[in-house]
Amino acid sequence: MNFFLSLHAKVSEKIDGLGLILLRFWVGQEFLQAGYKKLSAGLHAPDWFAGLDFPFPLYFLPIDINWVMAGLGEVVLSLALILGLCSRLSAAGLLFITYVAIYTVHFDLGWAGWSQIETGAGLGFKLPAMLAVMLFVLITQGAGKYSLDAIIYRTRSQHGSK
Protein backbone atom coordinates (compact mmCIF):
# COMPACT_ATOMS: atom_id res chain seq x y z
CA MET A 1 0.00 0.00 0.00
CA ASN A 2 2.86 2.37 0.78
CA PHE A 3 4.19 1.81 -2.74
CA PHE A 4 0.96 3.11 -4.26
CA LEU A 5 0.82 6.09 -1.91
CA SER A 6 4.44 6.91 -2.72
CA LEU A 7 3.81 6.50 -6.46
CA HIS A 8 0.72 8.70 -6.24
CA ALA A 9 2.69 11.40 -4.42
CA LYS A 10 5.52 11.30 -6.98
CA VAL A 11 3.15 11.44 -9.97
CA SER A 12 1.12 14.23 -8.36
CA GLU A 13 4.28 16.25 -7.75
CA LYS A 14 5.38 15.87 -11.39
CA ILE A 15 2.04 16.81 -12.97
CA ASP A 16 1.06 19.52 -10.47
CA GLY A 17 0.51 22.74 -12.39
CA LEU A 18 0.16 21.19 -15.85
CA GLY A 19 -3.61 21.70 -15.89
CA LEU A 20 -3.24 25.36 -14.95
CA ILE A 21 -0.64 26.09 -17.63
CA LEU A 22 -2.82 24.38 -20.26
CA LEU A 23 -5.81 26.37 -19.06
CA ARG A 24 -3.83 29.64 -19.18
CA PHE A 25 -2.63 28.90 -22.71
CA TRP A 26 -6.09 27.92 -23.95
CA VAL A 27 -7.92 30.89 -22.46
CA GLY A 28 -5.08 33.26 -23.30
CA GLN A 29 -4.95 32.38 -26.97
CA GLU A 30 -8.75 32.79 -27.28
CA PHE A 31 -8.58 36.34 -25.94
CA LEU A 32 -5.39 37.12 -27.84
CA GLN A 33 -7.12 36.25 -31.12
CA ALA A 34 -10.19 38.31 -30.23
CA GLY A 35 -8.10 41.33 -29.23
CA TYR A 36 -5.92 41.08 -32.32
CA LYS A 37 -9.01 41.02 -34.54
CA LYS A 38 -10.31 44.18 -32.87
CA LEU A 39 -7.02 46.07 -33.06
CA SER A 40 -6.28 45.01 -36.62
CA ALA A 41 -9.69 46.34 -37.67
CA GLY A 42 -8.60 49.85 -36.70
CA LEU A 43 -9.12 52.38 -33.94
CA HIS A 44 -12.70 53.20 -34.89
CA ALA A 45 -15.46 50.92 -33.68
CA PRO A 46 -17.47 49.19 -36.39
CA ASP A 47 -21.18 49.93 -36.70
CA TRP A 48 -22.26 46.70 -34.99
CA PHE A 49 -20.16 47.64 -31.94
CA ALA A 50 -21.33 51.24 -31.92
CA GLY A 51 -24.94 50.08 -31.62
CA LEU A 52 -24.40 48.13 -28.40
CA ASP A 53 -25.70 49.13 -24.98
CA PHE A 54 -22.79 49.03 -22.54
CA PRO A 55 -23.10 48.51 -18.78
CA PHE A 56 -22.13 51.09 -16.18
CA PRO A 57 -19.56 52.73 -16.18
CA LEU A 58 -18.58 51.94 -19.77
CA TYR A 59 -21.60 53.71 -21.25
CA PHE A 60 -20.00 57.02 -20.23
CA LEU A 61 -17.01 56.41 -22.54
CA PRO A 62 -16.92 57.19 -26.26
CA ILE A 63 -17.54 54.08 -28.35
CA ASP A 64 -14.10 54.20 -30.01
CA ILE A 65 -12.45 54.24 -26.57
CA ASN A 66 -14.47 51.15 -25.56
CA TRP A 67 -13.39 49.44 -28.79
CA VAL A 68 -9.69 50.15 -28.31
CA MET A 69 -9.79 49.36 -24.58
CA ALA A 70 -11.46 46.01 -25.28
CA GLY A 71 -8.86 45.11 -27.92
CA LEU A 72 -5.88 46.28 -25.87
CA GLY A 73 -7.25 44.69 -22.73
CA GLU A 74 -7.69 41.35 -24.47
CA VAL A 75 -4.18 41.44 -25.96
CA VAL A 76 -2.25 42.70 -22.92
CA LEU A 77 -4.13 40.69 -20.30
CA SER A 78 -4.05 37.50 -22.37
CA LEU A 79 -0.29 37.79 -22.89
CA ALA A 80 0.18 38.31 -19.16
CA LEU A 81 -2.06 35.31 -18.47
CA ILE A 82 -0.16 33.09 -20.90
CA LEU A 83 3.13 34.06 -19.25
CA GLY A 84 1.63 33.66 -15.81
CA LEU A 85 2.38 37.25 -14.83
CA CYS A 86 -0.07 38.92 -12.45
CA SER A 87 -2.29 36.00 -13.36
CA ARG A 88 -5.14 36.55 -10.95
CA LEU A 89 -5.39 40.23 -11.87
CA SER A 90 -5.15 39.38 -15.59
CA ALA A 91 -7.86 36.74 -15.28
CA ALA A 92 -10.07 39.19 -13.35
CA GLY A 93 -9.64 41.81 -16.09
CA LEU A 94 -10.51 39.26 -18.77
CA LEU A 95 -13.49 38.14 -16.70
CA PHE A 96 -14.74 41.75 -16.70
CA ILE A 97 -14.29 41.92 -20.48
CA THR A 98 -16.22 38.63 -20.76
CA TYR A 99 -19.01 40.02 -18.57
CA VAL A 100 -19.26 43.07 -20.82
CA ALA A 101 -19.30 40.87 -23.93
CA ILE A 102 -22.08 38.68 -22.53
CA TYR A 103 -24.04 41.73 -21.38
CA THR A 104 -23.75 43.63 -24.65
CA VAL A 105 -23.62 40.97 -27.38
CA HIS A 106 -24.12 37.36 -26.41
CA PHE A 107 -26.93 37.19 -23.86
CA ASP A 108 -29.72 38.22 -26.22
CA LEU A 109 -28.64 35.47 -28.64
CA GLY A 110 -29.51 32.81 -26.06
CA TRP A 111 -27.72 29.65 -25.07
CA ALA A 112 -26.25 28.89 -28.50
CA GLY A 113 -23.67 26.17 -28.56
CA TRP A 114 -20.70 25.11 -30.60
CA SER A 115 -22.65 24.60 -33.82
CA GLN A 116 -23.56 28.29 -34.01
CA ILE A 117 -20.06 29.70 -33.45
CA GLU A 118 -19.09 30.22 -37.09
CA THR A 119 -22.54 30.77 -38.56
CA GLY A 120 -24.73 33.75 -39.25
CA ALA A 121 -26.87 32.73 -36.27
CA GLY A 122 -24.29 34.40 -34.03
CA LEU A 123 -22.81 33.21 -30.81
CA GLY A 124 -24.91 32.90 -27.70
CA PHE A 125 -23.51 33.08 -24.21
CA LYS A 126 -22.53 29.41 -23.78
CA LEU A 127 -18.93 29.79 -24.98
CA PRO A 128 -18.30 33.10 -23.16
CA ALA A 129 -19.81 31.56 -20.01
CA MET A 130 -17.39 28.62 -20.32
CA LEU A 131 -14.50 31.08 -20.67
CA ALA A 132 -15.80 32.90 -17.58
CA VAL A 133 -15.73 29.65 -15.58
CA MET A 134 -12.16 28.97 -16.77
CA LEU A 135 -11.11 32.49 -15.76
CA PHE A 136 -12.75 32.02 -12.36
CA VAL A 137 -10.66 28.88 -11.85
CA LEU A 138 -7.50 30.88 -12.60
CA ILE A 139 -8.57 33.66 -10.24
CA THR A 140 -9.14 31.21 -7.39
CA GLN A 141 -6.26 28.78 -8.09
CA GLY A 142 -3.61 31.12 -9.45
CA ALA A 143 -1.25 30.45 -12.32
CA GLY A 144 0.41 27.32 -10.96
CA LYS A 145 4.07 26.48 -10.61
CA TYR A 146 4.88 26.95 -14.31
CA SER A 147 4.43 30.72 -14.33
CA LEU A 148 6.32 33.96 -13.89
CA ASP A 149 4.26 34.54 -10.75
CA ALA A 150 5.72 31.36 -9.22
CA ILE A 151 9.26 32.27 -10.29
CA ILE A 152 8.91 35.74 -8.77
CA TYR A 153 7.48 34.27 -5.56
CA ARG A 154 10.32 31.72 -5.27
CA THR A 155 12.94 34.42 -5.95
CA ARG A 156 11.46 36.74 -3.33
CA SER A 157 11.22 33.90 -0.81
CA GLN A 158 14.87 32.96 -1.33
CA HIS A 159 16.07 36.54 -1.00
CA GLY A 160 13.81 37.20 1.96
CA SER A 161 15.12 34.20 3.89
CA LYS A 162 18.80 35.23 3.61
C-alpha atoms as a PDB file:
ATOM      1  CA  MET A   1       0.000   0.000   0.000  1.00  0.00           C
ATOM      2  CA  ASN A   2       2.864   2.369   0.784  1.00  0.00           C
ATOM      3  CA  PHE A   3       4.194   1.813  -2.740  1.00  0.00           C
ATOM      4  CA  PHE A   4       0.956   3.111  -4.265  1.00  0.00           C
ATOM      5  CA  LEU A   5       0.820   6.093  -1.907  1.00  0.00           C
ATOM      6  CA  SER A   6       4.438   6.914  -2.722  1.00  0.00           C
ATOM      7  CA  LEU A   7       3.811   6.501  -6.462  1.00  0.00           C
ATOM      8  CA  HIS A   8       0.722   8.699  -6.240  1.00  0.00           C
ATOM      9  CA  ALA A   9       2.692  11.395  -4.423  1.00  0.00           C
ATOM     10  CA  LYS A  10       5.515  11.302  -6.984  1.00  0.00           C
ATOM     11  CA  VAL A  11       3.154  11.444  -9.965  1.00  0.00           C
ATOM     12  CA  SER A  12       1.122  14.228  -8.358  1.00  0.00           C
ATOM     13  CA  GLU A  13       4.284  16.252  -7.755  1.00  0.00           C
ATOM     14  CA  LYS A  14       5.377  15.869 -11.388  1.00  0.00           C
ATOM     15  CA  ILE A  15       2.044  16.814 -12.968  1.00  0.00           C
ATOM     16  CA  ASP A  16       1.057  19.520 -10.472  1.00  0.00           C
ATOM     17  CA  GLY A  17       0.509  22.736 -12.388  1.00  0.00           C
ATOM     18  CA  LEU A  18       0.157  21.190 -15.846  1.00  0.00           C
ATOM     19  CA  GLY A  19      -3.607  21.697 -15.887  1.00  0.00           C
ATOM     20  CA  LEU A  20      -3.235  25.360 -14.949  1.00  0.00           C
ATOM     21  CA  ILE A  21      -0.638  26.087 -17.631  1.00  0.00           C
ATOM     22  CA  LEU A  22      -2.817  24.381 -20.258  1.00  0.00           C
ATOM     23  CA  LEU A  23      -5.815  26.373 -19.056  1.00  0.00           C
ATOM     24  CA  ARG A  24      -3.834  29.636 -19.177  1.00  0.00           C
ATOM     25  CA  PHE A  25      -2.629  28.901 -22.708  1.00  0.00           C
ATOM     26  CA  TRP A  26      -6.090  27.922 -23.955  1.00  0.00           C
ATOM     27  CA  VAL A  27      -7.922  30.891 -22.458  1.00  0.00           C
ATOM     28  CA  GLY A  28      -5.085  33.264 -23.296  1.00  0.00           C
ATOM     29  CA  GLN A  29      -4.953  32.378 -26.973  1.00  0.00           C
ATOM     30  CA  GLU A  30      -8.748  32.790 -27.279  1.00  0.00           C
ATOM     31  CA  PHE A  31      -8.583  36.339 -25.936  1.00  0.00           C
ATOM     32  CA  LEU A  32      -5.388  37.121 -27.844  1.00  0.00           C
ATOM     33  CA  GLN A  33      -7.117  36.254 -31.117  1.00  0.00           C
ATOM     34  CA  ALA A  34     -10.191  38.314 -30.227  1.00  0.00           C
ATOM     35  CA  GLY A  35      -8.103  41.330 -29.225  1.00  0.00           C
ATOM     36  CA  TYR A  36      -5.917  41.076 -32.316  1.00  0.00           C
ATOM     37  CA  LYS A  37      -9.010  41.022 -34.542  1.00  0.00           C
ATOM     38  CA  LYS A  38     -10.305  44.175 -32.872  1.00  0.00           C
ATOM     39  CA  LEU A  39      -7.024  46.074 -33.055  1.00  0.00           C
ATOM     40  CA  SER A  40      -6.277  45.012 -36.620  1.00  0.00           C
ATOM     41  CA  ALA A  41      -9.692  46.342 -37.672  1.00  0.00           C
ATOM     42  CA  GLY A  42      -8.604  49.855 -36.702  1.00  0.00           C
ATOM     43  CA  LEU A  43      -9.124  52.379 -33.939  1.00  0.00           C
ATOM     44  CA  HIS A  44     -12.697  53.199 -34.894  1.00  0.00           C
ATOM     45  CA  ALA A  45     -15.460  50.920 -33.678  1.00  0.00           C
ATOM     46  CA  PRO A  46     -17.470  49.192 -36.389  1.00  0.00           C
ATOM     47  CA  ASP A  47     -21.182  49.928 -36.698  1.00  0.00           C
ATOM     48  CA  TRP A  48     -22.262  46.702 -34.990  1.00  0.00           C
ATOM     49  CA  PHE A  49     -20.157  47.637 -31.936  1.00  0.00           C
ATOM     50  CA  ALA A  50     -21.330  51.243 -31.924  1.00  0.00           C
ATOM     51  CA  GLY A  51     -24.939  50.084 -31.622  1.00  0.00           C
ATOM     52  CA  LEU A  52     -24.402  48.130 -28.399  1.00  0.00           C
ATOM     53  CA  ASP A  53     -25.704  49.132 -24.976  1.00  0.00           C
ATOM     54  CA  PHE A  54     -22.790  49.027 -22.537  1.00  0.00           C
ATOM     55  CA  PRO A  55     -23.102  48.505 -18.785  1.00  0.00           C
ATOM     56  CA  PHE A  56     -22.131  51.094 -16.179  1.00  0.00           C
ATOM     57  CA  PRO A  57     -19.557  52.727 -16.178  1.00  0.00           C
ATOM     58  CA  LEU A  58     -18.584  51.941 -19.771  1.00  0.00           C
ATOM     59  CA  TYR A  59     -21.601  53.715 -21.247  1.00  0.00           C
ATOM     60  CA  PHE A  60     -19.999  57.025 -20.234  1.00  0.00           C
ATOM     61  CA  LEU A  61     -17.011  56.413 -22.536  1.00  0.00           C
ATOM     62  CA  PRO A  62     -16.917  57.190 -26.262  1.00  0.00           C
ATOM     63  CA  ILE A  63     -17.540  54.077 -28.347  1.00  0.00           C
ATOM     64  CA  ASP A  64     -14.102  54.199 -30.008  1.00  0.00           C
ATOM     65  CA  ILE A  65     -12.454  54.244 -26.570  1.00  0.00           C
ATOM     66  CA  ASN A  66     -14.469  51.153 -25.561  1.00  0.00           C
ATOM     67  CA  TRP A  67     -13.394  49.443 -28.790  1.00  0.00           C
ATOM     68  CA  VAL A  68      -9.690  50.147 -28.308  1.00  0.00           C
ATOM     69  CA  MET A  69      -9.793  49.363 -24.578  1.00  0.00           C
ATOM     70  CA  ALA A  70     -11.463  46.008 -25.279  1.00  0.00           C
ATOM     71  CA  GLY A  71      -8.862  45.113 -27.919  1.00  0.00           C
ATOM     72  CA  LEU A  72      -5.879  46.285 -25.873  1.00  0.00           C
ATOM     73  CA  GLY A  73      -7.253  44.687 -22.732  1.00  0.00           C
ATOM     74  CA  GLU A  74      -7.685  41.353 -24.465  1.00  0.00           C
ATOM     75  CA  VAL A  75      -4.178  41.441 -25.959  1.00  0.00           C
ATOM     76  CA  VAL A  76      -2.254  42.705 -22.916  1.00  0.00           C
ATOM     77  CA  LEU A  77      -4.130  40.693 -20.304  1.00  0.00           C
ATOM     78  CA  SER A  78      -4.052  37.495 -22.374  1.00  0.00           C
ATOM     79  CA  LEU A  79      -0.287  37.787 -22.891  1.00  0.00           C
ATOM     80  CA  ALA A  80       0.177  38.310 -19.157  1.00  0.00           C
ATOM     81  CA  LEU A  81      -2.057  35.310 -18.470  1.00  0.00           C
ATOM     82  CA  ILE A  82      -0.161  33.091 -20.903  1.00  0.00           C
ATOM     83  CA  LEU A  83       3.130  34.060 -19.252  1.00  0.00           C
ATOM     84  CA  GLY A  84       1.631  33.657 -15.805  1.00  0.00           C
ATOM     85  CA  LEU A  85       2.383  37.251 -14.830  1.00  0.00           C
ATOM     86  CA  CYS A  86      -0.073  38.925 -12.451  1.00  0.00           C
ATOM     87  CA  SER A  87      -2.292  36.003 -13.365  1.00  0.00           C
ATOM     88  CA  ARG A  88      -5.143  36.554 -10.948  1.00  0.00           C
ATOM     89  CA  LEU A  89      -5.390  40.227 -11.868  1.00  0.00           C
ATOM     90  CA  SER A  90      -5.153  39.378 -15.589  1.00  0.00           C
ATOM     91  CA  ALA A  91      -7.864  36.744 -15.276  1.00  0.00           C
ATOM     92  CA  ALA A  92     -10.073  39.192 -13.355  1.00  0.00           C
ATOM     93  CA  GLY A  93      -9.637  41.806 -16.091  1.00  0.00           C
ATOM     94  CA  LEU A  94     -10.507  39.259 -18.773  1.00  0.00           C
ATOM     95  CA  LEU A  95     -13.490  38.141 -16.700  1.00  0.00           C
ATOM     96  CA  PHE A  96     -14.744  41.749 -16.700  1.00  0.00           C
ATOM     97  CA  ILE A  97     -14.292  41.917 -20.483  1.00  0.00           C
ATOM     98  CA  THR A  98     -16.222  38.632 -20.757  1.00  0.00           C
ATOM     99  CA  TYR A  99     -19.014  40.019 -18.573  1.00  0.00           C
ATOM    100  CA  VAL A 100     -19.264  43.074 -20.822  1.00  0.00           C
ATOM    101  CA  ALA A 101     -19.304  40.867 -23.931  1.00  0.00           C
ATOM    102  CA  ILE A 102     -22.078  38.677 -22.527  1.00  0.00           C
ATOM    103  CA  TYR A 103     -24.040  41.734 -21.381  1.00  0.00           C
ATOM    104  CA  THR A 104     -23.752  43.632 -24.650  1.00  0.00           C
ATOM    105  CA  VAL A 105     -23.619  40.968 -27.378  1.00  0.00           C
ATOM    106  CA  HIS A 106     -24.115  37.361 -26.413  1.00  0.00           C
ATOM    107  CA  PHE A 107     -26.928  37.192 -23.864  1.00  0.00           C
ATOM    108  CA  ASP A 108     -29.719  38.220 -26.223  1.00  0.00           C
ATOM    109  CA  LEU A 109     -28.642  35.465 -28.642  1.00  0.00           C
ATOM    110  CA  GLY A 110     -29.505  32.814 -26.060  1.00  0.00           C
ATOM    111  CA  TRP A 111     -27.720  29.648 -25.072  1.00  0.00           C
ATOM    112  CA  ALA A 112     -26.247  28.889 -28.503  1.00  0.00           C
ATOM    113  CA  GLY A 113     -23.674  26.171 -28.556  1.00  0.00           C
ATOM    114  CA  TRP A 114     -20.697  25.109 -30.599  1.00  0.00           C
ATOM    115  CA  SER A 115     -22.649  24.603 -33.824  1.00  0.00           C
ATOM    116  CA  GLN A 116     -23.559  28.285 -34.012  1.00  0.00           C
ATOM    117  CA  ILE A 117     -20.058  29.699 -33.452  1.00  0.00           C
ATOM    118  CA  GLU A 118     -19.090  30.222 -37.088  1.00  0.00           C
ATOM    119  CA  THR A 119     -22.542  30.774 -38.561  1.00  0.00           C
ATOM    120  CA  GLY A 120     -24.732  33.749 -39.253  1.00  0.00           C
ATOM    121  CA  ALA A 121     -26.867  32.733 -36.274  1.00  0.00           C
ATOM    122  CA  GLY A 122     -24.287  34.398 -34.025  1.00  0.00           C
ATOM    123  CA  LEU A 123     -22.806  33.212 -30.808  1.00  0.00           C
ATOM    124  CA  GLY A 124     -24.909  32.903 -27.698  1.00  0.00           C
ATOM    125  CA  PHE A 125     -23.513  33.078 -24.215  1.00  0.00           C
ATOM    126  CA  LYS A 126     -22.534  29.410 -23.777  1.00  0.00           C
ATOM    127  CA  LEU A 127     -18.927  29.790 -24.975  1.00  0.00           C
ATOM    128  CA  PRO A 128     -18.304  33.104 -23.163  1.00  0.00           C
ATOM    129  CA  ALA A 129     -19.806  31.563 -20.008  1.00  0.00           C
ATOM    130  CA  MET A 130     -17.392  28.616 -20.317  1.00  0.00           C
ATOM    131  CA  LEU A 131     -14.500  31.082 -20.666  1.00  0.00           C
ATOM    132  CA  ALA A 132     -15.799  32.900 -17.575  1.00  0.00           C
ATOM    133  CA  VAL A 133     -15.732  29.649 -15.583  1.00  0.00           C
ATOM    134  CA  MET A 134     -12.164  28.969 -16.765  1.00  0.00           C
ATOM    135  CA  LEU A 135     -11.115  32.492 -15.763  1.00  0.00           C
ATOM    136  CA  PHE A 136     -12.749  32.021 -12.362  1.00  0.00           C
ATOM    137  CA  VAL A 137     -10.655  28.875 -11.848  1.00  0.00           C
ATOM    138  CA  LEU A 138      -7.496  30.876 -12.605  1.00  0.00           C
ATOM    139  CA  ILE A 139      -8.565  33.659 -10.244  1.00  0.00           C
ATOM    140  CA  THR A 140      -9.136  31.207  -7.393  1.00  0.00           C
ATOM    141  CA  GLN A 141      -6.261  28.775  -8.088  1.00  0.00           C
ATOM    142  CA  GLY A 142      -3.609  31.118  -9.451  1.00  0.00           C
ATOM    143  CA  ALA A 143      -1.249  30.449 -12.320  1.00  0.00           C
ATOM    144  CA  GLY A 144       0.413  27.320 -10.960  1.00  0.00           C
ATOM    145  CA  LYS A 145       4.074  26.476 -10.607  1.00  0.00           C
ATOM    146  CA  TYR A 146       4.878  26.953 -14.311  1.00  0.00           C
ATOM    147  CA  SER A 147       4.427  30.719 -14.334  1.00  0.00           C
ATOM    148  CA  LEU A 148       6.321  33.955 -13.891  1.00  0.00           C
ATOM    149  CA  ASP A 149       4.258  34.543 -10.749  1.00  0.00           C
ATOM    150  CA  ALA A 150       5.717  31.355  -9.225  1.00  0.00           C
ATOM    151  CA  ILE A 151       9.257  32.270 -10.287  1.00  0.00           C
ATOM    152  CA  ILE A 152       8.911  35.743  -8.765  1.00  0.00           C
ATOM    153  CA  TYR A 153       7.477  34.269  -5.564  1.00  0.00           C
ATOM    154  CA  ARG A 154      10.318  31.722  -5.270  1.00  0.00           C
ATOM    155  CA  THR A 155      12.936  34.417  -5.951  1.00  0.00           C
ATOM    156  CA  ARG A 156      11.462  36.737  -3.325  1.00  0.00           C
ATOM    157  CA  SER A 157      11.221  33.896  -0.813  1.00  0.00           C
ATOM    158  CA  GLN A 158      14.865  32.955  -1.329  1.00  0.00           C
ATOM    159  CA  HIS A 159      16.071  36.544  -1.003  1.00  0.00           C
ATOM    160  CA  GLY A 160      13.812  37.198   1.964  1.00  0.00           C
ATOM    161  CA  SER A 161      15.115  34.205   3.892  1.00  0.00           C
ATOM    162  CA  LYS A 162      18.804  35.227   3.612  1.00  0.00           C
END
